[in-house]
């Protein structure tokens, strides 16, 4: 089922400048949310999406990662891991709240609020698939396979 989602009408700071999600030039958009730059699972996920970027590009798809990290932290993460995807800095949790990805987590016996690893696929502004409580390993490959199926259906 497709759901119309009204993305916030504003620019967000990224590793390469400003981006407005309503002004994407590709037919397909993948937004993935992750907890923190340079942590093991988040690095696995970002590197996997980055390694598959050419295949996503061939499917007319933009991939954007989102976390609460600063642009500078994103830039350092991008440089260190040689990432080829864009990362949005969302320290005010505008997108995180919009997509309802801030959840209570248990870290070392302490309850904290953090980003639940989640991914959303859009086609021409329509939300067509979402993933919650994502496991980083193999996720980018699964998204690519699902996207290919969606485009062929």
N, C-alpha and C. Protein backbone atom coordinates (compact mmCIF):
# COMPACT_ATOMS: atom_id res chain seq x y z
N UNK A 1 0.83 -1.17 0.00
CA UNK A 1 0.00 0.00 0.00
C UNK A 1 0.89 1.24 0.00
N UNK A 2 0.57 2.22 -0.82
CA UNK A 2 1.31 3.47 -0.88
C UNK A 2 0.67 4.49 0.05
N UNK A 3 1.48 5.21 0.77
CA UNK A 3 1.01 6.25 1.65
C UNK A 3 1.65 7.56 1.25
N UNK A 4 0.87 8.61 1.16
CA UNK A 4 1.44 9.92 0.87
C UNK A 4 2.02 10.46 2.16
N UNK A 5 3.24 10.89 2.10
CA UNK A 5 3.87 11.46 3.28
C UNK A 5 4.34 12.86 2.92
N UNK A 6 4.03 13.80 3.76
CA UNK A 6 4.45 15.17 3.51
C UNK A 6 5.78 15.38 4.21
N UNK A 7 6.84 15.36 3.43
CA UNK A 7 8.17 15.59 3.99
C UNK A 7 8.28 17.05 4.40
N UNK A 8 9.02 17.32 5.44
CA UNK A 8 9.19 18.71 5.86
C UNK A 8 9.70 19.58 4.70
N UNK A 9 9.07 20.73 4.51
CA UNK A 9 9.45 21.65 3.43
C UNK A 9 10.58 22.55 3.93
N UNK A 10 11.75 21.99 3.99
CA UNK A 10 12.90 22.78 4.42
C UNK A 10 14.17 22.12 3.94
N UNK A 11 15.23 22.87 4.02
CA UNK A 11 16.54 22.34 3.66
C UNK A 11 17.18 21.73 4.90
N UNK A 12 17.94 20.67 4.66
CA UNK A 12 18.69 20.02 5.72
C UNK A 12 20.16 20.04 5.37
N UNK A 13 21.01 20.23 6.37
CA UNK A 13 22.46 20.25 6.17
C UNK A 13 22.96 18.83 5.95
N UNK A 14 23.82 18.67 4.93
CA UNK A 14 24.39 17.37 4.61
C UNK A 14 25.90 17.49 4.47
N UNK A 15 26.51 16.37 4.16
CA UNK A 15 27.96 16.33 3.95
C UNK A 15 28.37 17.12 2.71
N UNK A 16 27.43 17.39 1.80
CA UNK A 16 27.77 18.09 0.55
C UNK A 16 27.02 19.41 0.38
N UNK A 17 26.37 19.89 1.42
CA UNK A 17 25.60 21.13 1.32
C UNK A 17 24.19 20.94 1.83
N UNK A 18 23.27 21.71 1.29
CA UNK A 18 21.87 21.66 1.70
C UNK A 18 21.07 20.76 0.77
N UNK A 19 20.06 20.07 1.32
CA UNK A 19 19.17 19.24 0.50
C UNK A 19 17.74 19.43 1.01
N UNK A 20 16.81 19.46 0.06
CA UNK A 20 15.38 19.47 0.36
C UNK A 20 14.81 18.17 -0.19
N UNK A 21 14.29 17.33 0.67
CA UNK A 21 13.81 16.01 0.25
C UNK A 21 12.65 16.08 -0.73
N UNK A 22 11.96 17.21 -0.77
CA UNK A 22 10.86 17.40 -1.71
C UNK A 22 11.34 17.77 -3.11
N UNK A 23 12.62 18.04 -3.23
CA UNK A 23 13.16 18.48 -4.52
C UNK A 23 14.16 17.49 -5.10
N UNK A 24 14.01 16.22 -4.77
CA UNK A 24 14.91 15.20 -5.30
C UNK A 24 14.65 15.03 -6.79
N UNK A 25 15.70 14.79 -7.56
CA UNK A 25 15.56 14.69 -9.01
C UNK A 25 15.40 13.26 -9.50
N UNK A 26 15.52 12.29 -8.62
CA UNK A 26 15.32 10.89 -9.03
C UNK A 26 13.89 10.47 -8.72
N UNK A 27 13.43 9.43 -9.41
CA UNK A 27 12.07 8.92 -9.16
C UNK A 27 11.97 8.20 -7.82
N UNK A 28 13.06 7.62 -7.37
CA UNK A 28 13.07 6.82 -6.16
C UNK A 28 14.00 7.44 -5.13
N UNK A 29 13.61 7.34 -3.86
CA UNK A 29 14.40 7.89 -2.76
C UNK A 29 14.42 6.88 -1.62
N UNK A 30 15.61 6.61 -1.12
CA UNK A 30 15.78 5.77 0.06
C UNK A 30 16.35 6.64 1.16
N UNK A 31 15.62 6.70 2.27
CA UNK A 31 16.09 7.42 3.46
C UNK A 31 16.32 6.37 4.53
N UNK A 32 17.55 6.30 5.02
CA UNK A 32 17.79 5.36 6.12
C UNK A 32 18.29 6.12 7.34
N UNK A 33 17.78 5.74 8.49
CA UNK A 33 18.13 6.36 9.77
C UNK A 33 19.03 5.40 10.54
N UNK A 34 20.05 5.96 11.15
CA UNK A 34 21.00 5.14 11.90
C UNK A 34 21.43 5.91 13.15
N UNK A 35 21.85 5.20 14.20
CA UNK A 35 22.13 5.85 15.47
C UNK A 35 23.33 6.80 15.52
N UNK A 36 24.50 6.37 15.02
CA UNK A 36 25.69 7.20 15.25
C UNK A 36 26.81 6.85 14.28
N UNK A 37 27.45 7.90 13.76
CA UNK A 37 28.60 7.71 12.89
C UNK A 37 29.71 6.95 13.61
N UNK A 38 30.46 6.19 12.83
CA UNK A 38 31.69 5.52 13.27
C UNK A 38 31.49 4.45 14.34
N UNK A 39 30.27 3.96 14.50
CA UNK A 39 30.03 2.80 15.36
C UNK A 39 29.96 1.58 14.45
N UNK A 40 30.22 0.39 14.98
CA UNK A 40 30.34 -0.79 14.10
C UNK A 40 29.15 -1.04 13.17
N UNK A 41 27.93 -1.10 13.71
CA UNK A 41 26.77 -1.38 12.87
C UNK A 41 26.49 -0.28 11.87
N UNK A 42 26.64 0.96 12.31
CA UNK A 42 26.37 2.10 11.43
C UNK A 42 27.41 2.18 10.32
N UNK A 43 28.64 1.83 10.63
CA UNK A 43 29.69 1.81 9.60
C UNK A 43 29.39 0.71 8.59
N UNK A 44 29.02 -0.46 9.06
CA UNK A 44 28.66 -1.57 8.16
C UNK A 44 27.55 -1.14 7.21
N UNK A 45 26.51 -0.51 7.75
CA UNK A 45 25.37 -0.10 6.94
C UNK A 45 25.76 0.97 5.92
N UNK A 46 26.47 1.99 6.35
CA UNK A 46 26.85 3.08 5.44
C UNK A 46 27.78 2.58 4.34
N UNK A 47 28.75 1.76 4.69
CA UNK A 47 29.68 1.23 3.69
C UNK A 47 28.93 0.34 2.70
N UNK A 48 27.98 -0.45 3.18
CA UNK A 48 27.21 -1.33 2.29
C UNK A 48 26.39 -0.51 1.29
N UNK A 49 25.67 0.50 1.76
CA UNK A 49 24.91 1.35 0.84
C UNK A 49 25.84 2.05 -0.14
N UNK A 50 26.98 2.51 0.35
CA UNK A 50 27.94 3.20 -0.50
C UNK A 50 28.50 2.28 -1.58
N UNK A 51 28.82 1.04 -1.22
CA UNK A 51 29.35 0.08 -2.19
C UNK A 51 28.33 -0.25 -3.29
N UNK A 52 27.06 -0.14 -2.96
CA UNK A 52 25.99 -0.45 -3.92
C UNK A 52 25.45 0.79 -4.64
N UNK A 53 26.06 1.94 -4.39
CA UNK A 53 25.53 3.20 -4.93
C UNK A 53 25.37 3.16 -6.44
N UNK A 54 26.33 2.62 -7.18
CA UNK A 54 26.21 2.57 -8.64
C UNK A 54 24.99 1.77 -9.07
N UNK A 55 24.69 0.70 -8.35
CA UNK A 55 23.51 -0.11 -8.69
C UNK A 55 22.22 0.64 -8.37
N UNK A 56 22.21 1.38 -7.25
CA UNK A 56 21.04 2.21 -6.94
C UNK A 56 20.91 3.34 -7.97
N UNK A 57 22.03 3.95 -8.35
CA UNK A 57 21.99 5.00 -9.38
C UNK A 57 21.38 4.48 -10.67
N UNK A 58 21.73 3.26 -11.05
CA UNK A 58 21.20 2.66 -12.28
C UNK A 58 19.69 2.46 -12.20
N UNK A 59 19.16 2.42 -10.98
CA UNK A 59 17.72 2.28 -10.77
C UNK A 59 17.07 3.64 -10.49
N UNK A 60 17.77 4.74 -10.84
CA UNK A 60 17.26 6.10 -10.67
C UNK A 60 16.84 6.37 -9.22
N UNK A 61 17.74 5.99 -8.30
CA UNK A 61 17.44 6.06 -6.87
C UNK A 61 18.52 6.84 -6.13
N UNK A 62 18.07 7.74 -5.27
CA UNK A 62 18.96 8.49 -4.38
C UNK A 62 18.92 7.84 -3.00
N UNK A 63 20.09 7.69 -2.38
CA UNK A 63 20.19 7.15 -1.02
C UNK A 63 20.68 8.27 -0.11
N UNK A 64 19.99 8.45 1.01
CA UNK A 64 20.40 9.45 1.99
C UNK A 64 20.33 8.83 3.38
N UNK A 65 21.42 8.96 4.13
CA UNK A 65 21.44 8.51 5.52
C UNK A 65 21.14 9.68 6.44
N UNK A 66 20.53 9.41 7.58
CA UNK A 66 20.17 10.45 8.55
C UNK A 66 20.55 9.99 9.95
N UNK A 67 21.24 10.87 10.67
CA UNK A 67 21.47 10.66 12.10
C UNK A 67 21.51 12.02 12.78
N UNK A 68 21.66 12.01 14.09
CA UNK A 68 21.71 13.27 14.85
C UNK A 68 23.12 13.85 14.90
N UNK A 69 24.08 13.18 14.27
CA UNK A 69 25.46 13.69 14.28
C UNK A 69 25.56 15.01 13.53
N UNK A 70 26.59 15.78 13.85
CA UNK A 70 26.82 17.06 13.18
C UNK A 70 27.34 16.85 11.76
N UNK A 71 27.27 17.90 10.96
CA UNK A 71 27.81 17.84 9.60
C UNK A 71 29.30 17.51 9.65
N UNK A 72 30.02 18.13 10.57
CA UNK A 72 31.47 17.88 10.68
C UNK A 72 31.74 16.41 11.00
N UNK A 73 30.98 15.84 11.91
CA UNK A 73 31.13 14.42 12.23
C UNK A 73 30.82 13.56 11.01
N UNK A 74 29.75 13.92 10.28
CA UNK A 74 29.41 13.21 9.04
C UNK A 74 30.55 13.31 8.02
N UNK A 75 31.12 14.50 7.89
CA UNK A 75 32.21 14.68 6.92
C UNK A 75 33.42 13.82 7.29
N UNK A 76 33.74 13.77 8.57
CA UNK A 76 34.86 12.93 9.02
C UNK A 76 34.56 11.45 8.77
N UNK A 77 33.35 11.02 9.06
CA UNK A 77 32.91 9.64 8.84
C UNK A 77 32.98 9.30 7.35
N UNK A 78 32.48 10.21 6.53
CA UNK A 78 32.49 10.02 5.07
C UNK A 78 33.92 9.88 4.55
N UNK A 79 34.81 10.75 5.01
CA UNK A 79 36.20 10.72 4.56
C UNK A 79 36.90 9.44 5.03
N UNK A 80 36.71 9.09 6.29
CA UNK A 80 37.38 7.92 6.85
C UNK A 80 36.94 6.63 6.17
N UNK A 81 35.64 6.53 5.85
CA UNK A 81 35.09 5.30 5.26
C UNK A 81 34.98 5.38 3.74
N UNK A 82 35.38 6.53 3.17
CA UNK A 82 35.30 6.73 1.71
C UNK A 82 33.88 6.50 1.19
N UNK A 83 32.91 7.10 1.87
CA UNK A 83 31.50 6.93 1.51
C UNK A 83 31.15 7.76 0.28
N UNK A 84 30.25 7.24 -0.53
CA UNK A 84 29.80 7.95 -1.73
C UNK A 84 28.33 8.34 -1.64
N UNK A 85 27.76 8.24 -0.45
CA UNK A 85 26.36 8.63 -0.24
C UNK A 85 26.32 9.88 0.63
N UNK A 86 25.21 10.60 0.55
CA UNK A 86 25.03 11.83 1.30
C UNK A 86 24.41 11.52 2.66
N UNK A 87 24.83 12.25 3.69
CA UNK A 87 24.33 12.07 5.04
C UNK A 87 23.74 13.38 5.55
N UNK A 88 22.51 13.31 6.06
CA UNK A 88 21.85 14.49 6.63
C UNK A 88 22.14 14.55 8.13
N UNK A 89 22.46 15.76 8.58
CA UNK A 89 22.62 16.03 10.00
C UNK A 89 21.26 16.49 10.54
N UNK A 90 20.74 15.79 11.54
CA UNK A 90 19.42 16.09 12.10
C UNK A 90 19.51 16.23 13.62
N UNK A 91 20.35 17.17 14.11
CA UNK A 91 20.53 17.29 15.56
C UNK A 91 19.27 17.74 16.30
N UNK A 92 18.37 18.42 15.60
CA UNK A 92 17.12 18.87 16.22
C UNK A 92 16.01 17.81 16.09
N UNK A 93 16.35 16.68 15.47
CA UNK A 93 15.45 15.52 15.32
C UNK A 93 14.19 15.83 14.53
N UNK A 94 14.26 16.76 13.60
CA UNK A 94 13.08 17.10 12.79
C UNK A 94 12.65 15.90 11.96
N UNK A 95 13.58 15.32 11.21
CA UNK A 95 13.25 14.14 10.41
C UNK A 95 13.03 12.92 11.29
N UNK A 96 13.85 12.79 12.32
CA UNK A 96 13.70 11.64 13.23
C UNK A 96 12.31 11.60 13.84
N UNK A 97 11.80 12.74 14.27
CA UNK A 97 10.45 12.80 14.85
C UNK A 97 9.40 12.56 13.77
N UNK A 98 9.62 13.15 12.60
CA UNK A 98 8.66 13.01 11.49
C UNK A 98 8.46 11.54 11.11
N UNK A 99 9.54 10.78 11.13
CA UNK A 99 9.48 9.36 10.77
C UNK A 99 9.33 8.45 11.98
N UNK A 100 9.20 9.04 13.16
CA UNK A 100 8.97 8.29 14.40
C UNK A 100 10.04 7.21 14.62
N UNK A 101 11.30 7.63 14.54
CA UNK A 101 12.39 6.67 14.72
C UNK A 101 13.11 6.83 16.07
N UNK A 102 12.70 7.81 16.87
CA UNK A 102 13.30 7.97 18.20
C UNK A 102 12.55 7.04 19.15
N UNK A 103 13.28 6.08 19.68
CA UNK A 103 12.68 5.06 20.54
C UNK A 103 13.51 4.89 21.81
N UNK A 104 12.87 4.36 22.84
CA UNK A 104 13.59 4.07 24.08
C UNK A 104 14.45 2.83 23.87
N UNK A 105 15.71 2.94 24.27
CA UNK A 105 16.65 1.83 24.16
C UNK A 105 17.26 1.56 25.52
N UNK A 106 17.80 0.38 25.68
CA UNK A 106 18.48 0.01 26.90
C UNK A 106 19.97 -0.12 26.57
N UNK A 107 20.77 0.80 27.10
CA UNK A 107 22.21 0.77 26.85
C UNK A 107 22.95 0.61 28.17
N UNK A 108 23.59 -0.52 28.31
CA UNK A 108 24.36 -0.81 29.52
C UNK A 108 23.51 -0.67 30.78
N UNK A 109 22.26 -1.14 30.69
CA UNK A 109 21.36 -1.10 31.83
C UNK A 109 20.67 0.23 32.06
N UNK A 110 20.93 1.19 31.20
CA UNK A 110 20.34 2.52 31.34
C UNK A 110 19.39 2.77 30.17
N UNK A 111 18.21 3.32 30.46
CA UNK A 111 17.25 3.63 29.40
C UNK A 111 17.59 4.99 28.80
N UNK A 112 17.71 5.00 27.47
CA UNK A 112 18.02 6.23 26.74
C UNK A 112 17.12 6.30 25.51
N UNK A 113 16.96 7.51 25.00
CA UNK A 113 16.21 7.69 23.76
C UNK A 113 17.22 7.75 22.62
N UNK A 114 17.00 6.93 21.60
CA UNK A 114 17.93 6.89 20.48
C UNK A 114 17.22 6.54 19.19
N UNK A 115 17.96 6.61 18.11
CA UNK A 115 17.40 6.30 16.79
C UNK A 115 17.30 4.79 16.61
N UNK A 116 16.10 4.35 16.25
CA UNK A 116 15.89 2.95 15.87
C UNK A 116 16.26 2.84 14.39
N UNK A 117 17.20 1.98 14.08
CA UNK A 117 17.65 1.80 12.70
C UNK A 117 16.43 1.48 11.82
N UNK A 118 16.14 2.36 10.85
CA UNK A 118 14.94 2.26 10.01
C UNK A 118 15.26 2.75 8.61
N UNK A 119 14.53 2.22 7.63
CA UNK A 119 14.72 2.62 6.23
C UNK A 119 13.36 2.78 5.57
N UNK A 120 13.27 3.76 4.67
CA UNK A 120 12.03 4.07 3.96
C UNK A 120 12.32 4.22 2.48
N UNK A 121 11.50 3.58 1.65
CA UNK A 121 11.62 3.71 0.19
C UNK A 121 10.43 4.52 -0.31
N UNK A 122 10.74 5.56 -1.09
CA UNK A 122 9.71 6.40 -1.70
C UNK A 122 9.79 6.30 -3.21
N UNK A 123 8.63 6.35 -3.85
CA UNK A 123 8.55 6.46 -5.31
C UNK A 123 7.69 7.66 -5.62
N UNK A 124 8.30 8.67 -6.22
CA UNK A 124 7.61 9.91 -6.59
C UNK A 124 6.77 10.46 -5.43
N UNK A 125 7.38 10.53 -4.27
CA UNK A 125 6.73 11.10 -3.10
C UNK A 125 5.83 10.16 -2.32
N UNK A 126 5.65 8.96 -2.81
CA UNK A 126 4.80 7.97 -2.13
C UNK A 126 5.68 6.99 -1.34
N UNK A 127 5.37 6.82 -0.08
CA UNK A 127 6.06 5.81 0.72
C UNK A 127 5.57 4.45 0.27
N UNK A 128 6.47 3.62 -0.24
CA UNK A 128 6.07 2.31 -0.76
C UNK A 128 6.57 1.14 0.08
N UNK A 129 7.58 1.38 0.91
CA UNK A 129 8.07 0.29 1.77
C UNK A 129 8.85 0.90 2.93
N UNK A 130 8.68 0.28 4.10
CA UNK A 130 9.45 0.72 5.26
C UNK A 130 10.00 -0.49 6.00
N UNK A 131 11.10 -0.27 6.66
CA UNK A 131 11.79 -1.30 7.45
C UNK A 131 12.04 -0.71 8.83
N UNK A 132 11.69 -1.43 9.87
CA UNK A 132 11.94 -0.99 11.25
C UNK A 132 12.82 -2.03 11.94
N UNK A 133 13.53 -1.59 12.96
CA UNK A 133 14.42 -2.46 13.74
C UNK A 133 15.35 -3.25 12.82
N UNK A 134 15.99 -2.53 11.94
CA UNK A 134 16.85 -3.10 10.91
C UNK A 134 18.14 -3.65 11.53
N UNK A 135 18.60 -4.76 11.03
CA UNK A 135 19.94 -5.29 11.32
C UNK A 135 20.85 -4.77 10.21
N UNK A 136 21.97 -4.20 10.57
CA UNK A 136 22.85 -3.54 9.59
C UNK A 136 23.40 -4.49 8.54
N UNK A 137 23.87 -5.64 8.97
CA UNK A 137 24.50 -6.58 8.03
C UNK A 137 23.48 -7.11 7.03
N UNK A 138 23.76 -6.93 5.76
CA UNK A 138 22.90 -7.44 4.69
C UNK A 138 21.70 -6.56 4.35
N UNK A 139 21.51 -5.49 5.11
CA UNK A 139 20.31 -4.66 4.88
C UNK A 139 20.35 -3.93 3.53
N UNK A 140 21.46 -3.33 3.18
CA UNK A 140 21.55 -2.60 1.91
C UNK A 140 21.26 -3.53 0.74
N UNK A 141 21.76 -4.74 0.82
CA UNK A 141 21.53 -5.73 -0.24
C UNK A 141 20.04 -6.09 -0.32
N UNK A 142 19.39 -6.21 0.84
CA UNK A 142 17.95 -6.51 0.87
C UNK A 142 17.15 -5.36 0.28
N UNK A 143 17.52 -4.13 0.62
CA UNK A 143 16.82 -2.96 0.08
C UNK A 143 16.97 -2.92 -1.44
N UNK A 144 18.17 -3.19 -1.94
CA UNK A 144 18.40 -3.21 -3.39
C UNK A 144 17.53 -4.28 -4.06
N UNK A 145 17.47 -5.46 -3.48
CA UNK A 145 16.64 -6.54 -4.04
C UNK A 145 15.16 -6.15 -4.02
N UNK A 146 14.70 -5.57 -2.91
CA UNK A 146 13.30 -5.16 -2.81
C UNK A 146 12.98 -4.03 -3.79
N UNK A 147 13.90 -3.09 -3.92
CA UNK A 147 13.71 -1.98 -4.86
C UNK A 147 13.59 -2.50 -6.29
N UNK A 148 14.44 -3.44 -6.64
CA UNK A 148 14.39 -4.04 -7.98
C UNK A 148 13.03 -4.70 -8.22
N UNK A 149 12.54 -5.42 -7.22
CA UNK A 149 11.21 -6.05 -7.34
C UNK A 149 10.11 -4.99 -7.47
N UNK A 150 10.19 -3.94 -6.66
CA UNK A 150 9.19 -2.88 -6.73
C UNK A 150 9.17 -2.23 -8.12
N UNK A 151 10.34 -2.02 -8.68
CA UNK A 151 10.41 -1.37 -9.99
C UNK A 151 9.93 -2.29 -11.11
N UNK A 152 10.00 -3.58 -10.90
CA UNK A 152 9.58 -4.54 -11.93
C UNK A 152 8.14 -5.00 -11.76
N UNK A 153 7.46 -4.50 -10.72
CA UNK A 153 6.07 -4.95 -10.51
C UNK A 153 5.07 -4.01 -11.14
